[in-house]
Protein backbone atom coordinates (compact mmCIF):
# COMPACT_ATOMS: atom_id res chain seq x y z
CA MET A 1 198.22 77.97 372.28
CA THR A 2 198.58 74.21 371.94
CA VAL A 3 202.15 72.92 371.86
CA ILE A 4 202.81 69.65 370.08
CA GLU A 5 205.45 67.69 371.92
CA ARG A 6 208.22 65.89 370.11
CA ASP A 7 208.82 62.25 370.93
CA PRO A 8 212.27 62.05 372.61
CA ARG A 9 213.15 59.13 370.36
CA GLY A 10 212.99 61.41 367.32
CA ALA A 11 216.08 62.23 365.26
CA PRO A 12 216.48 64.72 362.36
CA ALA A 13 215.99 63.07 358.97
CA THR A 14 218.67 65.44 357.63
CA ASP A 15 221.22 63.55 359.76
CA ARG A 16 220.82 60.57 357.45
CA LEU A 17 222.72 60.36 354.18
CA ASN A 18 219.91 58.80 352.12
CA TYR A 19 217.39 61.51 353.05
CA THR A 20 219.82 64.40 352.53
CA ALA A 21 221.02 63.01 349.20
CA TYR A 22 217.39 62.67 348.04
CA ARG A 23 216.67 66.24 349.17
CA LEU A 24 219.63 67.53 347.17
CA SER A 25 218.58 65.46 344.15
CA ARG A 26 215.11 67.01 344.24
CA ALA A 27 216.56 70.51 344.40
CA LEU A 28 218.89 69.81 341.47
CA ASP A 29 216.04 68.26 339.47
CA ARG A 30 213.86 71.33 339.98
CA PHE A 31 216.56 73.63 338.70
CA THR A 32 217.52 71.38 335.79
CA GLU A 33 213.90 70.84 334.77
CA ASN A 34 213.28 74.57 334.50
CA LEU A 35 216.42 74.96 332.40
CA ALA A 36 215.23 72.10 330.16
CA LEU A 37 211.71 73.53 329.82
CA ALA A 38 213.19 76.90 328.88
CA HIS A 39 214.84 75.11 325.94
CA GLY A 40 211.62 73.33 324.97
CA VAL A 41 212.37 69.85 326.30
CA THR A 42 211.32 67.88 329.37
CA LEU A 43 213.67 66.71 332.10
CA SER A 44 213.62 63.12 330.78
CA GLN A 45 214.48 64.34 327.30
CA PHE A 46 217.20 66.59 328.66
CA LEU A 47 218.90 63.71 330.50
CA ILE A 48 219.09 61.71 327.29
CA LEU A 49 220.49 64.73 325.45
CA GLN A 50 223.13 65.13 328.17
CA VAL A 51 224.22 61.50 327.86
CA LEU A 52 224.34 61.70 324.06
CA GLY A 53 226.31 64.92 324.51
CA GLU A 54 229.28 62.75 325.45
CA GLY A 55 229.56 62.18 321.69
CA LEU A 56 228.99 58.43 321.55
CA PRO A 57 225.90 57.03 319.74
CA LEU A 58 223.98 54.64 322.02
CA SER A 59 221.32 51.95 321.75
CA ASN A 60 218.00 52.13 323.57
CA ALA A 61 219.28 49.67 326.16
CA GLN A 62 222.39 51.74 326.78
CA LEU A 63 220.35 54.95 327.01
CA GLY A 64 218.04 53.30 329.53
CA ARG A 65 220.94 52.24 331.75
CA ARG A 66 222.59 55.66 331.55
CA THR A 67 219.36 57.55 332.38
CA PHE A 68 218.10 55.05 335.00
CA VAL A 69 214.99 53.90 333.13
CA SER A 70 214.00 50.84 331.09
CA ALA A 71 215.05 50.40 327.47
CA GLN A 72 211.39 50.77 326.48
CA ALA A 73 211.10 54.11 328.30
CA ALA A 74 214.32 55.34 326.71
CA HIS A 75 212.97 54.30 323.30
CA LEU A 76 209.82 56.39 323.82
CA VAL A 77 211.75 59.47 324.93
CA ALA A 78 214.19 59.06 322.05
CA ASN A 79 211.23 59.00 319.65
CA GLU A 80 210.01 62.29 321.16
CA LEU A 81 213.43 63.81 320.57
CA ILE A 82 213.44 62.51 316.99
CA ASP A 83 210.11 64.28 316.43
CA LEU A 84 211.71 67.47 317.77
CA GLY A 85 214.63 67.08 315.37
CA LEU A 86 217.17 66.86 318.20
CA VAL A 87 218.33 63.25 317.75
CA GLU A 88 218.39 60.71 314.94
CA ARG A 89 218.84 56.97 314.59
CA GLY A 90 221.59 55.29 312.63
CA ASN A 91 222.96 51.82 312.00
CA HIS A 92 225.30 49.92 314.32
CA PRO A 93 228.66 49.26 312.61
CA THR A 94 228.61 45.50 313.33
CA ASN A 95 225.07 44.56 314.46
CA ARG A 96 222.29 45.14 311.93
CA ARG A 97 219.60 44.45 314.55
CA VAL A 98 220.70 47.37 316.73
CA ARG A 99 219.88 50.99 315.96
CA LEU A 100 221.97 53.71 317.56
CA VAL A 101 220.77 57.14 318.66
CA LYS A 102 222.90 60.27 318.25
CA LEU A 103 222.47 64.03 318.36
CA THR A 104 221.57 66.06 315.29
CA GLU A 105 223.17 69.47 314.73
CA SER A 106 220.15 71.05 316.45
CA GLY A 107 220.65 68.67 319.35
CA TRP A 108 224.30 69.61 319.66
CA ASP A 109 223.36 73.29 319.68
CA LEU A 110 220.87 72.78 322.50
CA VAL A 111 223.29 70.67 324.55
CA GLN A 112 226.08 73.20 324.23
CA ARG A 113 223.90 76.21 325.08
CA SER A 114 222.24 74.52 328.05
CA GLY A 115 225.59 73.14 329.21
CA GLN A 116 226.98 76.66 329.47
CA GLU A 117 223.99 77.67 331.59
CA LEU A 118 224.46 74.67 333.85
CA GLN A 119 228.13 75.49 334.35
CA ARG A 120 227.29 79.07 335.34
CA HIS A 121 224.82 77.90 337.97
CA GLU A 122 227.17 75.19 339.25
CA ARG A 123 229.85 77.83 339.76
CA ARG A 124 227.28 79.98 341.55
CA LEU A 125 226.45 77.12 343.92
CA THR A 126 230.13 76.44 344.60
CA ALA A 127 230.72 80.11 345.40
CA ALA A 128 227.64 80.24 347.65
CA MET A 129 228.82 77.24 349.65
CA GLY A 130 232.27 78.71 350.23
CA GLU A 131 235.10 76.81 351.89
CA ASP A 132 233.27 75.72 355.06
CA LEU A 133 231.82 72.49 353.75
CA GLY A 134 231.38 70.66 357.04
CA ASN A 135 232.97 67.57 358.50
CA SER A 136 231.07 64.79 356.72
CA ILE A 137 229.47 63.98 353.39
CA VAL A 138 226.04 64.43 355.00
CA GLU A 139 226.95 67.97 356.07
CA VAL A 140 228.27 68.78 352.60
CA LEU A 141 225.07 67.56 350.91
CA ASP A 142 222.86 69.30 353.47
CA HIS A 143 224.76 72.54 352.93
CA ALA A 144 224.34 72.23 349.16
CA ALA A 145 220.62 71.45 349.49
CA ARG A 146 220.08 74.49 351.72
CA GLU A 147 221.96 76.76 349.33
CA LEU A 148 219.96 75.50 346.35
CA ALA A 149 216.71 76.20 348.24
CA GLY A 150 214.58 74.22 345.81
CA GLY A 151 216.73 74.93 342.79
CA TYR A 152 216.68 78.72 342.84
CA PHE A 153 219.25 79.57 345.53
CA GLY A 154 216.48 81.17 347.63
CA ASP A 155 215.92 83.83 344.98
CA ASP A 156 212.20 84.34 344.29
CA GLU A 157 212.89 86.59 341.31
CA ALA A 158 215.13 83.91 339.79
CA GLU A 159 212.36 81.34 340.37
CA ALA A 160 209.74 83.56 338.72
CA ASP A 161 212.08 84.24 335.79
CA ALA A 162 212.84 80.54 335.34
CA ILE A 163 209.14 79.65 335.23
CA SER A 164 208.30 82.51 332.85
CA ARG A 165 210.89 81.23 330.34
CA ARG A 166 209.37 77.74 330.09
CA GLN A 167 208.48 76.77 326.54
CA ILE A 168 206.58 73.78 327.91
CA THR A 169 203.95 74.65 330.52
CA SER A 170 202.03 71.37 330.72
CA ARG A 171 204.40 69.79 333.28
CA PRO A 172 204.24 71.97 336.42
CA ARG A 173 206.14 69.60 338.71
CA HIS A 174 207.12 72.47 340.99
CA VAL A 175 204.61 74.87 342.56
CA PRO A 176 206.14 78.36 342.83
CA SER A 177 206.71 79.85 346.25
CA ARG A 178 204.18 82.51 347.28
CA LEU A 179 206.59 85.37 346.61
CA ALA A 180 207.58 83.96 343.23
CA ALA A 181 203.90 83.45 342.32
CA ASN A 182 203.17 87.09 343.22
CA ARG A 183 206.03 88.24 341.00
CA LEU A 184 204.69 86.13 338.11
CA ARG A 185 201.22 87.65 338.52
CA SER A 186 202.67 91.16 338.64
CA ALA A 187 204.74 90.51 335.53
CA GLY A 188 201.62 89.28 333.73
CA LYS A 189 199.66 92.38 334.71
CA ASP A 190 202.49 94.67 333.63
CA ALA A 191 202.71 92.92 330.28
CA GLN A 192 198.96 93.27 329.76
CA ALA A 193 199.00 96.95 330.73
CA SER A 194 201.87 97.69 328.35
CA LYS A 195 199.98 96.37 325.30
CA ASP A 196 199.10 98.92 322.63
CA PRO A 197 195.34 99.67 322.95
CA SER A 198 195.07 99.41 319.15
CA ASP A 199 196.09 95.74 319.41
CA ILE A 200 193.12 94.90 321.67
CA THR A 201 190.08 93.59 319.81
CA ASP A 202 186.78 95.36 320.57
CA ASP A 203 184.32 92.51 321.04
CA SER A 204 181.41 94.92 320.84
CA ALA A 205 182.21 95.57 317.19
CA HIS A 206 181.37 91.97 316.26
């Protein structure tokens, strides 16, 4: 068996704050994206809804700054949310050239329901981490990233369930783990087997 030797100059990337913070961000994004898709919106749309959920109408430029994209990109995502009936545009009180974006009642409903789900999972992460958080910010972030395990807390059934609840399936940014993929296939077979035979069309009759 061939052994690949490690260069003695090597150092763990997880010892560095920038890498560990990025790793945690990816794990949080995966979880949040699945929650968003389960509510019928993309991650980009969800971030705008979260910011508007503070209750203050914002311009495209302000939305772009708050969601870390350009004003043009924020404008496009806001238009998508308008088409979904989740946000609407209104006039600025003092500047007629500026249009402000705010949540509709449907948007508020989605933000409040998804916010409750986020809080439940945040509490779960806090409980999983416990009191031993480490001696540095890097250790704390690394601990959180390991507990999240890609956004599902290492739970393949939770991962399979999250993916199965997606209303939007055209943006598979995360490939399921092998165990989660097996559970999804099994769930699909069980659902097919449980169908009433009378509901199945007999192609030979056509």
